[in-house]
Amino acid sequence: MIMLATRILLWMDSTPRPVPEYTGDENLVTPGVIGFAITFLVAAATVLLLVDMTRRVRRVRYRAEVNDKLDAEQRGETAPATATPED
């Protein structure tokens, strides 16, 4: 119980402690190879997701056009209405 009270009191201590100042060259601080690899992987995943999304949207649009043509043929229309592509 005393340990818990001590920890609570230390946690509640509002005295700010200064952060030690960095004395090295600030131009040498870089994310390194790991940071580059993670950034590259996120960018590659984004590009792959965009390509996949484009394929899926195109496939849905083509299926809708085919369904419209089939519905028009079933109704007996000779000139099926074509959908205009949206930009």
N, C-alpha and C. Protein backbone atom coordinates (compact mmCIF):
# COMPACT_ATOMS: atom_id res chain seq x y z
N MET A 1 0.83 -1.19 0.00
CA MET A 1 0.00 0.00 0.00
C MET A 1 0.87 1.25 0.00
N ILE A 2 1.97 1.19 0.74
CA ILE A 2 2.86 2.35 0.81
C ILE A 2 3.54 2.56 -0.55
N MET A 3 3.87 1.45 -1.24
CA MET A 3 4.50 1.56 -2.55
C MET A 3 3.54 2.23 -3.55
N LEU A 4 2.26 1.88 -3.46
CA LEU A 4 1.28 2.46 -4.35
C LEU A 4 1.14 3.96 -4.08
N ALA A 5 1.08 4.34 -2.81
CA ALA A 5 0.98 5.76 -2.45
C ALA A 5 2.21 6.53 -2.93
N THR A 6 3.38 5.92 -2.83
CA THR A 6 4.61 6.58 -3.27
C THR A 6 4.59 6.78 -4.79
N ARG A 7 4.15 5.77 -5.48
CA ARG A 7 4.08 5.88 -6.95
C ARG A 7 3.07 6.95 -7.37
N ILE A 8 1.96 7.01 -6.70
CA ILE A 8 0.95 8.02 -7.02
C ILE A 8 1.50 9.42 -6.76
N LEU A 9 2.20 9.60 -5.64
CA LEU A 9 2.77 10.90 -5.33
C LEU A 9 3.85 11.29 -6.34
N LEU A 10 4.67 10.34 -6.76
CA LEU A 10 5.67 10.64 -7.77
C LEU A 10 5.03 10.96 -9.12
N TRP A 11 3.94 10.29 -9.44
CA TRP A 11 3.24 10.54 -10.67
C TRP A 11 2.58 11.91 -10.68
N MET A 12 2.11 12.34 -9.52
CA MET A 12 1.42 13.62 -9.40
C MET A 12 2.40 14.79 -9.27
N ASP A 13 3.68 14.53 -9.19
CA ASP A 13 4.67 15.59 -9.06
C ASP A 13 4.60 16.48 -10.30
N SER A 14 4.31 17.75 -10.12
CA SER A 14 4.12 18.65 -11.25
C SER A 14 5.37 19.45 -11.59
N THR A 15 6.49 19.12 -10.98
CA THR A 15 7.72 19.85 -11.26
C THR A 15 8.25 19.42 -12.63
N PRO A 16 8.36 20.37 -13.56
CA PRO A 16 8.86 19.98 -14.88
C PRO A 16 10.35 19.69 -14.84
N ARG A 17 10.72 18.68 -15.57
CA ARG A 17 12.14 18.34 -15.66
C ARG A 17 12.61 18.71 -17.06
N PRO A 18 13.67 19.49 -17.19
CA PRO A 18 14.10 19.90 -18.53
C PRO A 18 14.64 18.72 -19.33
N VAL A 19 14.37 18.76 -20.61
CA VAL A 19 14.87 17.74 -21.51
C VAL A 19 16.30 18.12 -21.87
N PRO A 20 17.22 17.17 -21.79
CA PRO A 20 18.60 17.53 -22.12
C PRO A 20 18.71 17.98 -23.58
N GLU A 21 19.49 19.01 -23.83
CA GLU A 21 19.63 19.57 -25.16
C GLU A 21 20.54 18.69 -26.01
N TYR A 22 20.18 18.53 -27.28
CA TYR A 22 20.98 17.71 -28.19
C TYR A 22 22.23 18.49 -28.58
N THR A 23 23.38 17.85 -28.43
CA THR A 23 24.64 18.55 -28.69
C THR A 23 25.29 18.12 -29.99
N GLY A 24 24.75 17.13 -30.67
CA GLY A 24 25.33 16.65 -31.92
C GLY A 24 24.91 17.48 -33.11
N ASP A 25 25.35 17.08 -34.30
CA ASP A 25 25.00 17.78 -35.52
C ASP A 25 23.58 17.40 -35.92
N GLU A 26 22.70 18.40 -36.01
CA GLU A 26 21.28 18.13 -36.31
C GLU A 26 21.09 17.66 -37.75
N ASN A 27 22.05 17.92 -38.63
CA ASN A 27 21.94 17.48 -40.01
C ASN A 27 22.21 15.99 -40.17
N LEU A 28 22.79 15.37 -39.17
CA LEU A 28 23.09 13.95 -39.24
C LEU A 28 21.96 13.07 -38.72
N VAL A 29 20.95 13.68 -38.15
CA VAL A 29 19.83 12.93 -37.60
C VAL A 29 18.86 12.63 -38.75
N THR A 30 18.79 11.37 -39.16
CA THR A 30 17.91 10.96 -40.26
C THR A 30 17.15 9.71 -39.85
N PRO A 31 16.07 9.41 -40.55
CA PRO A 31 15.34 8.18 -40.25
C PRO A 31 16.11 6.93 -40.64
N GLY A 32 17.07 7.06 -41.52
CA GLY A 32 17.90 5.92 -41.88
C GLY A 32 17.24 5.00 -42.88
N VAL A 33 17.83 3.82 -43.00
CA VAL A 33 17.36 2.83 -43.97
C VAL A 33 15.98 2.31 -43.59
N ILE A 34 15.74 2.14 -42.32
CA ILE A 34 14.43 1.62 -41.88
C ILE A 34 13.32 2.61 -42.22
N GLY A 35 13.57 3.88 -41.97
CA GLY A 35 12.57 4.90 -42.31
C GLY A 35 12.30 4.96 -43.80
N PHE A 36 13.37 4.86 -44.62
CA PHE A 36 13.19 4.85 -46.06
C PHE A 36 12.40 3.62 -46.49
N ALA A 37 12.71 2.46 -45.93
CA ALA A 37 12.02 1.22 -46.32
C ALA A 37 10.54 1.30 -45.97
N ILE A 38 10.22 1.82 -44.80
CA ILE A 38 8.82 1.91 -44.40
C ILE A 38 8.08 2.90 -45.29
N THR A 39 8.69 4.04 -45.59
CA THR A 39 8.06 5.02 -46.47
C THR A 39 7.85 4.44 -47.86
N PHE A 40 8.84 3.71 -48.37
CA PHE A 40 8.72 3.08 -49.69
C PHE A 40 7.60 2.05 -49.70
N LEU A 41 7.50 1.24 -48.65
CA LEU A 41 6.44 0.22 -48.59
C LEU A 41 5.05 0.85 -48.53
N VAL A 42 4.91 1.94 -47.79
CA VAL A 42 3.61 2.62 -47.72
C VAL A 42 3.25 3.20 -49.08
N ALA A 43 4.23 3.80 -49.77
CA ALA A 43 3.97 4.36 -51.10
C ALA A 43 3.62 3.26 -52.09
N ALA A 44 4.34 2.14 -52.05
CA ALA A 44 4.06 1.03 -52.96
C ALA A 44 2.68 0.44 -52.69
N ALA A 45 2.32 0.29 -51.43
CA ALA A 45 0.99 -0.23 -51.10
C ALA A 45 -0.10 0.72 -51.58
N THR A 46 0.12 2.02 -51.48
CA THR A 46 -0.86 3.00 -51.96
C THR A 46 -1.04 2.89 -53.47
N VAL A 47 0.05 2.77 -54.20
CA VAL A 47 -0.04 2.64 -55.66
C VAL A 47 -0.77 1.36 -56.03
N LEU A 48 -0.46 0.27 -55.36
CA LEU A 48 -1.14 -1.00 -55.66
C LEU A 48 -2.63 -0.93 -55.35
N LEU A 49 -2.99 -0.27 -54.27
CA LEU A 49 -4.40 -0.11 -53.93
C LEU A 49 -5.13 0.74 -54.97
N LEU A 50 -4.47 1.79 -55.45
CA LEU A 50 -5.10 2.63 -56.48
C LEU A 50 -5.30 1.87 -57.78
N VAL A 51 -4.32 1.06 -58.18
CA VAL A 51 -4.45 0.26 -59.40
C VAL A 51 -5.58 -0.75 -59.24
N ASP A 52 -5.66 -1.40 -58.10
CA ASP A 52 -6.72 -2.38 -57.86
C ASP A 52 -8.09 -1.71 -57.85
N MET A 53 -8.19 -0.55 -57.23
CA MET A 53 -9.46 0.16 -57.18
C MET A 53 -9.91 0.56 -58.58
N THR A 54 -8.97 1.03 -59.41
CA THR A 54 -9.30 1.41 -60.78
C THR A 54 -9.82 0.21 -61.56
N ARG A 55 -9.16 -0.93 -61.41
CA ARG A 55 -9.62 -2.14 -62.09
C ARG A 55 -11.03 -2.52 -61.66
N ARG A 56 -11.30 -2.46 -60.37
CA ARG A 56 -12.61 -2.85 -59.87
C ARG A 56 -13.71 -1.91 -60.34
N VAL A 57 -13.43 -0.61 -60.34
CA VAL A 57 -14.43 0.36 -60.80
C VAL A 57 -14.71 0.16 -62.27
N ARG A 58 -13.66 -0.07 -63.07
CA ARG A 58 -13.83 -0.31 -64.50
C ARG A 58 -14.66 -1.58 -64.74
N ARG A 59 -14.39 -2.63 -63.96
CA ARG A 59 -15.13 -3.89 -64.11
C ARG A 59 -16.60 -3.70 -63.78
N VAL A 60 -16.91 -2.94 -62.74
CA VAL A 60 -18.30 -2.69 -62.37
C VAL A 60 -19.01 -1.91 -63.47
N ARG A 61 -18.32 -0.92 -64.04
CA ARG A 61 -18.91 -0.12 -65.11
C ARG A 61 -19.21 -0.98 -66.34
N TYR A 62 -18.26 -1.85 -66.72
CA TYR A 62 -18.47 -2.72 -67.88
C TYR A 62 -19.60 -3.71 -67.63
N ARG A 63 -19.69 -4.23 -66.43
CA ARG A 63 -20.78 -5.16 -66.12
C ARG A 63 -22.13 -4.45 -66.21
N ALA A 64 -22.19 -3.21 -65.76
CA ALA A 64 -23.44 -2.46 -65.85
C ALA A 64 -23.83 -2.23 -67.30
N GLU A 65 -22.85 -1.92 -68.17
CA GLU A 65 -23.14 -1.74 -69.59
C GLU A 65 -23.65 -3.03 -70.22
N VAL A 66 -23.03 -4.16 -69.89
CA VAL A 66 -23.46 -5.45 -70.44
C VAL A 66 -24.86 -5.78 -69.94
N ASN A 67 -25.13 -5.54 -68.68
CA ASN A 67 -26.48 -5.81 -68.13
C ASN A 67 -27.53 -4.93 -68.81
N ASP A 68 -27.19 -3.67 -69.09
CA ASP A 68 -28.13 -2.80 -69.80
C ASP A 68 -28.41 -3.33 -71.20
N LYS A 69 -27.38 -3.80 -71.89
CA LYS A 69 -27.57 -4.34 -73.25
C LYS A 69 -28.43 -5.60 -73.21
N LEU A 70 -28.16 -6.47 -72.23
CA LEU A 70 -28.96 -7.70 -72.12
C LEU A 70 -30.41 -7.40 -71.77
N ASP A 71 -30.64 -6.43 -70.89
CA ASP A 71 -32.01 -6.05 -70.55
C ASP A 71 -32.74 -5.46 -71.76
N ALA A 72 -32.01 -4.67 -72.55
CA ALA A 72 -32.63 -4.09 -73.75
C ALA A 72 -32.97 -5.18 -74.76
N GLU A 73 -32.11 -6.17 -74.90
CA GLU A 73 -32.40 -7.26 -75.83
C GLU A 73 -33.59 -8.07 -75.36
N GLN A 74 -33.71 -8.28 -74.05
CA GLN A 74 -34.85 -9.05 -73.54
C GLN A 74 -36.16 -8.30 -73.73
N ARG A 75 -36.10 -6.97 -73.66
CA ARG A 75 -37.32 -6.19 -73.86
C ARG A 75 -37.68 -6.10 -75.34
N GLY A 76 -36.75 -6.48 -76.20
CA GLY A 76 -37.02 -6.48 -77.63
C GLY A 76 -36.64 -5.19 -78.33
N GLU A 77 -35.90 -4.36 -77.68
CA GLU A 77 -35.45 -3.12 -78.31
C GLU A 77 -34.34 -3.44 -79.30
N THR A 78 -34.38 -2.77 -80.43
CA THR A 78 -33.35 -3.04 -81.44
C THR A 78 -32.09 -2.20 -81.20
N ALA A 79 -32.24 -0.99 -80.70
CA ALA A 79 -31.09 -0.13 -80.45
C ALA A 79 -30.95 0.06 -78.94
N PRO A 80 -30.07 -0.71 -78.29
CA PRO A 80 -29.92 -0.54 -76.85
C PRO A 80 -29.28 0.79 -76.49
N ALA A 81 -29.73 1.33 -75.40
CA ALA A 81 -29.17 2.61 -74.92
C ALA A 81 -27.77 2.35 -74.37
N THR A 82 -26.84 3.15 -74.81
CA THR A 82 -25.48 2.99 -74.32
C THR A 82 -25.21 4.02 -73.24
N ALA A 83 -24.54 3.58 -72.24
CA ALA A 83 -24.21 4.48 -71.14
C ALA A 83 -23.01 5.32 -71.52
N THR A 84 -23.05 6.58 -71.15
CA THR A 84 -21.92 7.45 -71.43
C THR A 84 -20.91 7.33 -70.30
N PRO A 85 -19.61 7.21 -70.63
CA PRO A 85 -18.62 7.09 -69.57
C PRO A 85 -18.48 8.41 -68.82
N GLU A 86 -18.38 8.28 -67.53
CA GLU A 86 -18.21 9.47 -66.68
C GLU A 86 -16.74 9.71 -66.45
N ASP A 87 -16.31 10.94 -66.55
CA ASP A 87 -14.91 11.29 -66.32
C ASP A 87 -14.71 11.72 -64.90
